[in-house]
Protein backbone atom coordinates (compact mmCIF):
# COMPACT_ATOMS: atom_id res chain seq x y z
CA MET A 1 -66.73 -66.82 193.62
CA PRO A 2 -69.46 -64.87 191.44
CA THR A 3 -72.81 -63.77 193.66
CA GLN A 4 -75.76 -65.59 191.95
CA ARG A 5 -78.82 -63.10 192.06
CA PRO A 6 -81.86 -64.40 192.86
CA PRO A 7 -84.50 -65.47 190.31
CA LEU A 8 -86.95 -62.71 188.93
CA ARG A 9 -90.74 -63.01 188.98
CA PRO A 10 -91.55 -62.48 185.22
CA ALA A 11 -93.55 -59.49 184.29
CA VAL A 12 -92.72 -58.03 187.67
CA HIS A 13 -89.32 -57.31 188.41
CA HIS A 14 -86.44 -56.22 185.54
CA ASP A 15 -83.15 -56.71 186.42
CA VAL A 16 -81.71 -53.86 184.06
CA ARG A 17 -78.24 -53.26 185.06
CA PRO A 18 -76.03 -55.40 187.40
CA GLN A 19 -77.15 -54.52 191.31
CA LEU A 20 -80.24 -52.73 190.01
CA THR A 21 -83.77 -54.57 190.29
CA VAL A 22 -86.54 -52.09 189.01
CA ILE A 23 -90.32 -53.27 189.76
CA LEU A 24 -92.30 -52.17 187.16
CA ARG A 25 -95.98 -51.90 188.16
CA PRO A 26 -99.55 -50.17 187.52
CA TYR A 27 -99.66 -46.25 188.09
CA CYS A 28 -102.08 -45.28 191.23
CA GLU A 29 -103.10 -41.92 192.51
CA ASP A 30 -100.68 -42.31 195.49
CA ASP A 31 -97.83 -42.11 192.67
CA TRP A 32 -98.88 -38.81 191.49
CA ALA A 33 -95.95 -36.42 193.28
CA ALA A 34 -93.66 -38.32 191.84
CA VAL A 35 -94.83 -39.09 188.53
CA ARG A 36 -95.21 -34.80 188.42
CA ASP A 37 -91.61 -34.34 189.50
CA ILE A 38 -90.17 -36.73 187.25
CA TYR A 39 -91.92 -34.96 184.07
CA ASP A 40 -91.07 -31.67 185.31
CA LEU A 41 -87.26 -32.63 185.61
CA SER A 42 -87.52 -34.25 182.37
CA LYS A 43 -89.39 -32.36 180.08
CA PRO A 44 -86.61 -29.78 179.83
CA ASP A 45 -84.25 -32.03 178.50
CA GLU A 46 -86.65 -33.77 176.08
CA LEU A 47 -87.05 -30.10 174.37
CA HIS A 48 -83.42 -28.94 174.89
CA GLY A 49 -82.75 -26.64 172.45
CA VAL A 50 -86.32 -26.32 170.82
CA VAL A 51 -88.27 -24.09 173.19
CA ASP A 52 -86.74 -21.84 176.09
CA THR A 53 -87.31 -23.95 179.20
CA THR A 54 -89.75 -21.20 180.55
CA ALA A 55 -91.80 -21.92 178.11
CA ILE A 56 -92.34 -25.40 179.29
CA PRO A 57 -95.62 -25.61 182.10
CA SER A 58 -94.84 -27.90 185.16
CA LEU A 59 -97.61 -31.31 184.11
CA GLU A 60 -99.77 -29.57 187.17
CA ASP A 61 -100.07 -26.55 185.11
CA ASP A 62 -100.89 -27.90 181.52
CA PRO A 63 -104.45 -28.78 181.59
CA SER A 64 -103.65 -30.61 177.96
CA MET A 65 -100.82 -32.74 179.22
CA LYS A 66 -102.68 -34.07 182.10
CA GLN A 67 -105.81 -34.89 180.01
CA LEU A 68 -103.30 -37.17 178.15
CA PHE A 69 -102.02 -38.47 181.04
CA ARG A 70 -106.04 -39.51 182.51
CA GLU A 71 -106.36 -40.98 179.31
CA SER A 72 -103.34 -43.08 179.04
CA GLN A 73 -102.79 -46.38 180.62
CA ILE A 74 -99.43 -45.66 182.87
CA ALA A 75 -96.62 -47.69 184.57
CA VAL A 76 -94.39 -46.70 187.23
CA ALA A 77 -90.71 -48.02 187.27
CA GLU A 78 -89.53 -48.13 191.24
CA GLU A 79 -86.26 -48.87 192.86
CA ASP A 80 -86.19 -49.87 196.24
CA GLY A 81 -89.53 -47.90 196.72
CA THR A 82 -88.66 -44.82 194.95
CA ILE A 83 -90.36 -44.40 191.82
CA VAL A 84 -87.65 -43.62 189.09
CA GLY A 85 -89.47 -43.45 186.18
CA PHE A 86 -92.76 -44.07 184.35
CA ALA A 87 -94.28 -44.59 180.88
CA GLY A 88 -97.72 -44.36 179.22
CA ASN A 89 -100.00 -45.45 176.19
CA ARG A 90 -102.84 -44.68 174.74
CA GLY A 91 -104.32 -47.73 173.05
CA SER A 92 -101.08 -48.63 170.66
CA SER A 93 -99.34 -45.42 170.95
CA ILE A 94 -96.77 -44.94 173.55
CA THR A 95 -97.47 -41.21 175.39
CA TRP A 96 -94.89 -41.11 177.89
CA LEU A 97 -91.71 -42.00 179.09
CA PHE A 98 -89.95 -40.34 181.47
CA VAL A 99 -86.67 -41.08 183.76
CA HIS A 100 -85.84 -38.99 186.77
CA PRO A 101 -82.56 -37.84 185.70
CA SER A 102 -80.52 -39.23 188.52
CA PHE A 103 -81.38 -42.56 187.48
CA ARG A 104 -81.06 -42.60 183.65
CA ARG A 105 -78.45 -44.51 181.73
CA ARG A 106 -79.38 -47.67 183.92
CA GLY A 107 -81.38 -49.54 181.37
CA ILE A 108 -85.24 -48.55 183.27
CA ALA A 109 -86.76 -46.28 180.17
CA THR A 110 -85.75 -49.60 178.15
CA ALA A 111 -87.30 -51.66 180.83
CA LEU A 112 -90.60 -49.33 180.35
CA VAL A 113 -90.60 -49.77 176.83
CA LYS A 114 -89.82 -53.55 176.52
CA ASP A 115 -92.57 -53.84 178.67
CA MET A 116 -95.23 -51.77 176.55
CA LEU A 117 -93.85 -53.35 173.57
CA ARG A 118 -94.68 -57.05 175.25
CA ARG A 119 -98.06 -55.53 176.36
CA LEU A 120 -99.56 -53.80 173.15
CA GLU A 121 -101.06 -54.53 170.09
CA GLN A 122 -98.96 -54.35 167.37
CA PRO A 123 -97.81 -52.03 165.20
CA VAL A 124 -97.02 -49.55 168.11
CA THR A 125 -96.23 -46.26 167.33
CA LEU A 126 -95.20 -42.93 169.11
CA ASN A 127 -93.81 -39.38 168.45
CA VAL A 128 -90.52 -38.04 169.33
CA ALA A 129 -88.93 -34.81 169.05
CA LEU A 130 -85.59 -34.99 166.29
CA THR A 131 -83.11 -32.92 168.48
CA ASN A 132 -83.95 -35.84 171.77
CA GLY A 133 -80.71 -37.74 170.88
CA PRO A 134 -80.83 -40.00 173.77
CA ALA A 135 -84.65 -41.07 172.99
CA MET A 136 -84.18 -41.28 169.16
CA SER A 137 -81.24 -43.91 170.05
CA LEU A 138 -83.19 -45.80 172.42
CA TYR A 139 -86.19 -46.41 170.38
CA GLN A 140 -83.65 -47.45 167.06
CA ARG A 141 -82.16 -49.72 169.87
CA VAL A 142 -85.23 -51.86 170.54
CA GLY A 143 -86.23 -51.72 166.62
CA PHE A 144 -88.09 -48.57 166.24
CA LYS A 145 -88.12 -47.71 162.85
CA LEU A 146 -88.86 -43.82 161.41
CA GLU A 147 -91.97 -43.78 159.65
CA ARG A 148 -91.95 -39.81 159.12
CA GLU A 149 -91.08 -37.03 160.13
CA PHE A 150 -92.89 -33.28 160.32
CA LEU A 151 -93.19 -30.21 161.91
CA GLY A 152 -95.16 -30.70 165.50
CA ASP A 153 -95.97 -27.65 168.18
CA PHE A 154 -95.23 -27.99 171.50
CA ASN A 155 -97.38 -24.71 173.62
CA GLY A 156 -97.00 -22.73 170.45
CA HIS A 157 -93.57 -23.70 169.76
CA ALA A 158 -92.11 -24.99 166.28
CA CYS A 159 -90.82 -28.76 167.19
CA LYS A 160 -89.24 -30.76 164.32
CA VAL A 161 -91.00 -34.46 165.30
CA ALA A 162 -90.45 -38.07 164.26
CA ARG A 163 -92.98 -40.59 164.27
CA LEU A 164 -91.88 -43.97 165.14
CA HIS A 165 -93.36 -47.09 164.85
CA TYR A 166 -92.58 -50.94 165.52
CA ALA A 167 -93.77 -54.08 164.69
CA ALA A 168 -92.66 -57.69 165.97
CA ALA A 169 -91.21 -59.61 163.78
CA ALA A 170 -93.66 -62.58 162.66
C-alpha cells in the first residue's frame, strides 16, 4: 500500500521529487555563509568553457556581485534545515539561481523559478550564459522564450549570453 504524503502548506513547502520536501523562505543575514558557499561552488559550472575557473572570484571578493546580491530580493531553499539553493530577483528580472552541486537534478531550481514566476510582475526576464545547457533547458521547460543573444562580459571575459523572457498566458 503506497504511503500517503502529508498535505503541503501553500507557498511554503514545495514537493519537488518523491521523498524530498524543500521549504522556500526569504533570505536572512544568517544565511550568508551557506549562500556564498553555494555560489562559489556553482559559478564555475555556470561559466564552464567560457572563462578559466581561476578568473572567477568568490562572492565575498566580488564587489559588483555583492552589490547585485544586496539589491536583489533573495529566497533560499532548505531541505532538513540545510540551505541547498537560492534564487533572487531585482524587479521583474531574475538575477540569481544557484543550487548546491550535491542537490541538483532534484527539482529545486524548478521550484525556485516557479515560485518567482508566481510572485513577480510579468513579463519576467533574465540573462543566462548560452553555454549553460542545464539552465537553458530549465528555463525553456518552464516557458521562457529567447528574446535575443548578445556578447556579454564577465570580469573582462567575453561571454555569449541569451536574454530570455517569460509572460504568463492570458
